[in-house]
Amino acid sequence: MRAGTALLAAGLLAAGLSGCSGSGSKPAPNPTGSCKPSPAPSTATYRSPPATLPAGPVDLSTANPPWLPPAVIDNGKQTIAYVAAAGLPYAEEMLSVHYHAHLDINADGKAVAVPPYIGFVVSCGKASALAPLHTHQEDGIIHIENSVPATFVLGQFFVEWGVRLTKDCVGGLCAGKGKELAFFVDGKRFTGDPGSIVLKRHEEIAIEYGDNGKLPTPPSSYAFPSNE
């Protein structure tokens, strides 16, 4: 892990919210002892993304990476808002539908961390629920878990993360002034709205940012663990 994320994650790993592969974790209790009760799980059955993202008023980072998830910012107070803005419910893990995609982000030849705890709902400094899209580790694996078959798109994941995603910009990484931003799905360039990329089983999504005409060859696949 990068140093900043590692320090924050160290505090979050004190208690566990079991992930699908046993790698999940939940933030540690709030040391102040003052907080709101845990939110009740969402009862909505998710089936498809909202027509417009974000679906609610949240701030999306326009800064350069690294980008921390809402779960580790301000004791996770805005996590429900970000999950809701992604048009997603939250509850205990739902494993009736369960698969994974992978996201790589490279900026000027360096990997950008996709951190753990994206999609975690936090109360009192402790994870109380998960959205159907979430991360457990800093490995780029997006966990997709739902009660029924449904459609999920990359734009929802970036809203949960709190990071701007457009055809021209990812956070503060923007095309122009000698820089190029490109999106790839399974090694093939995607030229539409990146937020509309549908997340599929064992899909490899790569975002490449760098000097015009000098982007590296993107990965076309990812070696998922045998149990994923």
Protein backbone atom coordinates (compact mmCIF):
# COMPACT_ATOMS: atom_id res chain seq x y z
CA MET A 1 0.00 0.00 0.00
CA ARG A 2 1.03 3.60 -0.43
CA ALA A 3 2.09 5.22 2.84
CA GLY A 4 -0.94 7.49 3.30
CA THR A 5 -3.45 4.76 2.63
CA ALA A 6 -1.52 2.30 4.76
CA LEU A 7 -1.65 4.54 7.82
CA LEU A 8 -5.38 5.01 7.50
CA ALA A 9 -6.00 1.35 6.76
CA ALA A 10 -4.05 0.31 9.84
CA GLY A 11 -6.73 1.89 11.98
CA LEU A 12 -9.51 0.38 9.92
CA LEU A 13 -8.29 -3.17 10.19
CA ALA A 14 -8.96 -3.52 13.91
CA ALA A 15 -12.28 -5.33 13.36
CA GLY A 16 -13.58 -7.47 10.51
CA LEU A 17 -16.52 -7.38 8.11
CA SER A 18 -15.95 -10.65 6.32
CA GLY A 19 -15.39 -10.31 2.61
CA CYS A 20 -16.29 -12.90 0.01
CA SER A 21 -12.74 -14.25 0.20
CA GLY A 22 -12.16 -13.53 3.86
CA SER A 23 -10.17 -10.39 3.06
CA GLY A 24 -12.72 -7.84 4.18
CA SER A 25 -12.44 -5.56 7.17
CA LYS A 26 -14.28 -2.84 8.94
CA PRO A 27 -13.08 0.41 10.47
CA ALA A 28 -12.22 0.47 14.15
CA PRO A 29 -14.55 2.03 16.74
CA ASN A 30 -14.66 5.80 16.98
CA PRO A 31 -12.38 6.76 19.85
CA THR A 32 -14.52 9.79 20.72
CA GLY A 33 -17.47 7.60 21.69
CA SER A 34 -19.94 10.10 20.20
CA CYS A 35 -21.71 9.13 17.00
CA LYS A 36 -25.04 8.44 15.38
CA PRO A 37 -26.63 4.97 15.50
CA SER A 38 -25.79 2.58 12.69
CA PRO A 39 -27.96 3.18 9.62
CA ALA A 40 -30.65 0.64 8.84
CA PRO A 41 -29.85 -1.47 5.77
CA SER A 42 -31.42 -0.34 2.53
CA THR A 43 -34.38 -2.54 1.58
CA ALA A 44 -34.41 -1.63 -2.12
CA THR A 45 -33.64 -4.36 -4.66
CA TYR A 46 -31.06 -2.99 -7.06
CA ARG A 47 -31.45 -3.78 -10.77
CA SER A 48 -29.97 -0.98 -12.92
CA PRO A 49 -28.02 2.29 -12.65
CA PRO A 50 -29.76 5.67 -12.47
CA ALA A 51 -30.17 7.69 -15.65
CA THR A 52 -27.78 10.36 -14.37
CA LEU A 53 -24.68 10.13 -12.18
CA PRO A 54 -24.15 11.27 -9.57
CA ALA A 55 -27.74 10.75 -8.48
CA GLY A 56 -27.33 13.03 -5.46
CA PRO A 57 -25.32 16.04 -4.27
CA VAL A 58 -21.77 14.89 -3.49
CA ASP A 59 -18.36 16.39 -4.14
CA LEU A 60 -16.23 14.46 -6.65
CA SER A 61 -12.49 14.98 -6.42
CA THR A 62 -10.84 16.96 -9.19
CA ALA A 63 -7.42 16.60 -7.58
CA ASN A 64 -4.53 14.45 -8.71
CA PRO A 65 -4.16 11.01 -7.13
CA PRO A 66 -3.98 9.38 -4.68
CA TRP A 67 -7.72 9.42 -3.97
CA LEU A 68 -8.97 8.23 -0.60
CA PRO A 69 -12.44 6.67 -0.29
CA PRO A 70 -15.18 8.36 1.76
CA ALA A 71 -14.92 5.61 4.40
CA VAL A 72 -11.58 6.98 5.64
CA ILE A 73 -12.43 10.68 5.34
CA ASP A 74 -14.03 12.53 8.27
CA ASN A 75 -14.73 9.27 10.08
CA GLY A 76 -16.85 8.05 7.18
CA LYS A 77 -19.67 10.51 7.82
CA GLN A 78 -20.53 10.88 4.12
CA THR A 79 -20.41 7.23 3.10
CA ILE A 80 -24.19 6.82 2.80
CA ALA A 81 -24.41 9.95 0.67
CA TYR A 82 -21.81 8.62 -1.77
CA VAL A 83 -23.42 5.18 -2.02
CA ALA A 84 -26.82 6.79 -2.59
CA ALA A 85 -25.35 9.15 -5.21
CA ALA A 86 -24.15 6.04 -7.05
CA GLY A 87 -27.75 4.82 -7.10
CA LEU A 88 -26.90 1.83 -4.92
CA PRO A 89 -28.41 0.24 -1.80
CA TYR A 90 -26.38 -0.93 1.20
CA ALA A 91 -26.71 -3.95 3.46
CA GLU A 92 -24.73 -6.96 4.65
CA GLU A 93 -22.91 -8.71 1.83
CA MET A 94 -25.32 -10.27 -0.66
CA LEU A 95 -23.76 -13.23 -2.44
CA SER A 96 -26.63 -14.56 -4.57
CA VAL A 97 -24.94 -12.80 -7.50
CA HIS A 98 -21.20 -12.61 -7.01
CA TYR A 99 -18.37 -11.86 -9.44
CA HIS A 100 -15.36 -9.58 -9.90
CA ALA A 101 -13.87 -7.11 -12.35
CA HIS A 102 -10.45 -5.48 -12.22
CA LEU A 103 -9.40 -1.84 -12.59
CA ASP A 104 -5.91 -0.59 -13.45
CA ILE A 105 -5.07 3.13 -13.46
CA ASN A 106 -1.67 4.32 -14.66
CA ALA A 107 -0.55 7.94 -14.67
CA ASP A 108 2.72 8.95 -16.29
CA GLY A 109 4.02 5.42 -15.99
CA LYS A 110 3.08 4.94 -12.34
CA ALA A 111 0.25 2.83 -10.94
CA VAL A 112 -2.52 4.72 -9.13
CA ALA A 113 -3.84 2.87 -6.10
CA VAL A 114 -7.45 1.67 -6.12
CA PRO A 115 -7.87 1.65 -2.33
CA PRO A 116 -9.81 -0.63 -0.02
CA TYR A 117 -13.12 0.46 1.58
CA ILE A 118 -14.74 1.92 -1.53
CA GLY A 119 -18.46 1.17 -1.12
CA PHE A 120 -18.26 0.71 2.66
CA VAL A 121 -20.93 2.40 4.79
CA VAL A 122 -19.40 3.60 8.05
CA SER A 123 -21.05 4.54 11.33
CA CYS A 124 -19.09 5.50 14.46
CA GLY A 125 -15.88 4.72 12.64
CA LYS A 126 -17.04 1.16 12.03
CA ALA A 127 -18.29 -0.44 8.82
CA SER A 128 -21.94 -1.36 9.19
CA ALA A 129 -22.87 -2.23 5.60
CA LEU A 130 -21.60 -2.61 2.05
CA ALA A 131 -22.82 -1.43 -1.33
CA PRO A 132 -23.03 -4.07 -4.08
CA LEU A 133 -19.87 -2.52 -5.60
CA HIS A 134 -16.94 -2.40 -3.19
CA THR A 135 -13.25 -3.07 -2.62
CA HIS A 136 -11.61 -5.03 0.18
CA GLN A 137 -7.94 -4.63 -0.67
CA GLU A 138 -5.63 -2.38 -2.65
CA ASP A 139 -5.51 -4.83 -5.55
CA GLY A 140 -7.85 -3.19 -8.06
CA ILE A 141 -10.45 -5.95 -7.75
CA ILE A 142 -13.99 -4.61 -7.79
CA HIS A 143 -16.35 -6.92 -5.91
CA ILE A 144 -19.81 -7.07 -7.48
CA GLU A 145 -22.38 -8.68 -5.19
CA ASN A 146 -26.15 -8.39 -5.33
CA SER A 147 -29.36 -10.19 -4.42
CA VAL A 148 -30.50 -10.47 -8.07
CA PRO A 149 -28.87 -10.20 -11.51
CA ALA A 150 -28.38 -6.52 -12.31
CA THR A 151 -26.38 -4.01 -14.35
CA PHE A 152 -23.53 -2.05 -12.77
CA VAL A 153 -21.38 0.55 -14.52
CA LEU A 154 -17.96 2.06 -13.90
CA GLY A 155 -19.48 5.48 -13.27
CA GLN A 156 -21.20 4.17 -10.14
CA PHE A 157 -17.91 2.88 -8.79
CA PHE A 158 -16.21 6.25 -9.26
CA VAL A 159 -19.11 8.09 -7.59
CA GLU A 160 -18.79 5.76 -4.58
CA TRP A 161 -15.07 6.49 -4.59
CA GLY A 162 -15.74 10.24 -4.74
CA VAL A 163 -13.65 10.79 -7.88
CA ARG A 164 -14.64 12.66 -11.06
CA LEU A 165 -14.88 10.41 -14.12
CA THR A 166 -15.52 11.86 -17.58
CA LYS A 167 -14.26 11.18 -21.08
CA ASP A 168 -11.64 13.93 -20.58
CA CYS A 169 -10.77 13.70 -16.88
CA VAL A 170 -10.27 11.23 -14.05
CA GLY A 171 -9.97 13.31 -10.92
CA GLY A 172 -7.35 15.90 -11.87
CA LEU A 173 -5.84 13.78 -14.65
CA CYS A 174 -7.18 15.57 -17.72
CA ALA A 175 -6.49 15.30 -21.43
CA GLY A 176 -5.02 18.34 -23.16
CA LYS A 177 -1.83 20.39 -22.94
CA GLY A 178 0.20 17.51 -24.30
CA LYS A 179 -1.52 14.85 -22.20
CA GLU A 180 -3.67 11.95 -23.33
CA LEU A 181 -6.32 10.02 -21.37
CA ALA A 182 -7.54 6.69 -22.70
CA PHE A 183 -9.83 3.90 -21.49
CA PHE A 184 -9.53 0.22 -22.37
CA VAL A 185 -11.73 -2.81 -21.79
CA ASP A 186 -9.99 -6.18 -22.09
CA GLY A 187 -7.20 -4.45 -24.00
CA LYS A 188 -9.47 -2.73 -26.54
CA ARG A 189 -9.81 1.05 -26.56
CA PHE A 190 -13.19 2.35 -25.39
CA THR A 191 -14.11 5.70 -26.93
CA GLY A 192 -17.54 6.31 -25.40
CA ASP A 193 -18.50 7.66 -21.99
CA PRO A 194 -16.29 5.69 -19.56
CA GLY A 195 -18.97 5.95 -16.90
CA SER A 196 -21.16 3.72 -19.07
CA ILE A 197 -18.73 0.77 -19.12
CA VAL A 198 -20.70 -2.20 -17.81
CA LEU A 199 -18.86 -4.21 -15.17
CA LYS A 200 -18.63 -7.87 -16.16
CA ARG A 201 -17.13 -11.03 -14.70
CA HIS A 202 -13.32 -11.07 -14.94
CA GLU A 203 -13.28 -7.93 -17.04
CA GLU A 204 -10.07 -5.92 -17.17
CA ILE A 205 -10.56 -2.16 -17.30
CA ALA A 206 -7.49 0.02 -17.77
CA ILE A 207 -7.21 3.80 -17.58
CA GLU A 208 -4.00 5.16 -19.08
CA TYR A 209 -2.81 8.76 -18.70
CA GLY A 210 0.38 10.26 -20.03
CA ASP A 211 2.09 12.15 -22.82
CA ASN A 212 0.35 12.24 -26.18
CA GLY A 213 1.23 9.24 -28.31
CA LYS A 214 3.31 7.62 -25.58
CA LEU A 215 0.77 5.64 -23.59
CA PRO A 216 1.89 2.12 -22.65
CA THR A 217 0.17 -0.95 -24.00
CA PRO A 218 -2.73 -1.62 -21.61
CA PRO A 219 -3.26 -5.01 -19.96
CA SER A 220 -5.84 -7.16 -21.72
CA SER A 221 -6.59 -9.42 -18.75
CA TYR A 222 -5.97 -9.88 -15.05
CA ALA A 223 -4.88 -13.00 -13.19
CA PHE A 224 -7.73 -13.34 -10.71
CA PRO A 225 -7.18 -15.64 -7.74
CA SER A 226 -8.57 -19.12 -8.36
CA ASN A 227 -11.38 -18.59 -5.84
CA GLU A 228 -12.54 -15.37 -7.51
